Amino acid sequence: MKTIGIQIDTEVSGQQDLVKLASSLDDLAETLDGELRVQAQASAAALRELAQSQDAIDGFRKLKAESV
């Protein structure tokens, strides 16, 4: 078995870009097999989790600004 690696360089600028990138990784995962598929799916899930965390941070900042 031959081991290969894939590096993806991308630029994201906001929560919506994170969700789009996660969706793209899910689409890519459907074309892959084995460990690469699993890693692409895990990366997509991590990006979605990051987007949700950013949403929570944004909500906190909004509440903080409104209370001042």
Protein backbone atom coordinates (compact mmCIF):
# COMPACT_ATOMS: atom_id res chain seq x y z
CA MET A 1 0.00 0.00 0.00
CA LYS A 2 1.29 3.44 -0.94
CA THR A 3 0.81 6.37 1.44
CA ILE A 4 -0.14 9.71 -0.06
CA GLY A 5 -0.95 13.09 1.43
CA ILE A 6 -3.11 15.94 0.31
CA GLN A 7 -2.62 19.55 1.28
CA ILE A 8 -5.39 22.04 0.66
CA ASP A 9 -4.62 25.74 0.88
CA THR A 10 -7.63 27.97 1.28
CA GLU A 11 -8.58 31.36 2.56
CA VAL A 12 -11.72 31.92 4.60
CA SER A 13 -12.92 35.23 5.91
CA GLY A 14 -15.98 34.44 7.97
CA GLN A 15 -18.43 31.96 9.38
CA GLN A 16 -20.26 31.49 6.08
CA ASP A 17 -16.95 30.70 4.36
CA LEU A 18 -16.24 28.05 7.01
CA VAL A 19 -19.60 26.41 6.35
CA LYS A 20 -19.02 26.53 2.58
CA LEU A 21 -15.56 25.00 3.00
CA ALA A 22 -17.01 22.26 5.21
CA SER A 23 -19.59 21.51 2.56
CA SER A 24 -16.89 21.36 -0.12
CA LEU A 25 -14.90 18.94 2.02
CA ASP A 26 -17.99 16.75 2.41
CA ASP A 27 -18.38 16.73 -1.38
CA LEU A 28 -14.70 15.84 -1.74
CA ALA A 29 -15.04 13.06 0.84
CA GLU A 30 -17.69 11.40 -1.33
CA THR A 31 -15.05 10.95 -4.04
CA LEU A 32 -12.40 9.50 -1.71
CA ASP A 33 -11.88 6.13 -0.12
CA GLY A 34 -10.49 4.88 3.15
CA GLU A 35 -8.52 7.10 5.47
CA LEU A 36 -8.62 10.12 3.16
CA ARG A 37 -12.41 9.99 3.20
CA VAL A 38 -12.47 9.76 6.99
CA GLN A 39 -10.02 12.67 7.32
CA ALA A 40 -12.01 14.87 4.92
CA GLN A 41 -15.21 14.15 6.85
CA ALA A 42 -13.49 14.86 10.18
CA SER A 43 -12.09 18.12 8.82
CA ALA A 44 -15.55 19.18 7.65
CA ALA A 45 -17.00 18.42 11.08
CA ALA A 46 -14.22 20.41 12.78
CA LEU A 47 -14.92 23.39 10.52
CA ARG A 48 -18.62 23.28 11.36
CA GLU A 49 -17.78 23.16 15.06
CA LEU A 50 -15.49 26.17 14.61
CA ALA A 51 -18.28 28.06 12.83
CA GLN A 52 -20.66 27.30 15.71
CA SER A 53 -18.07 28.52 18.22
CA GLN A 54 -17.66 31.72 16.23
CA ASP A 55 -21.43 32.18 16.26
CA ALA A 56 -21.45 31.87 20.06
CA ILE A 57 -18.60 34.40 20.35
CA ASP A 58 -20.41 36.84 18.06
CA GLY A 59 -23.57 36.48 20.16
CA PHE A 60 -21.65 37.18 23.35
CA ARG A 61 -20.02 40.26 21.83
CA LYS A 62 -23.41 41.56 20.72
CA LEU A 63 -24.90 41.09 24.18
CA LYS A 64 -21.89 42.77 25.76
CA ALA A 65 -22.15 45.75 23.41
CA GLU A 66 -25.89 46.10 24.10
CA SER A 67 -25.37 46.08 27.86
CA VAL A 68 -22.91 48.99 27.80
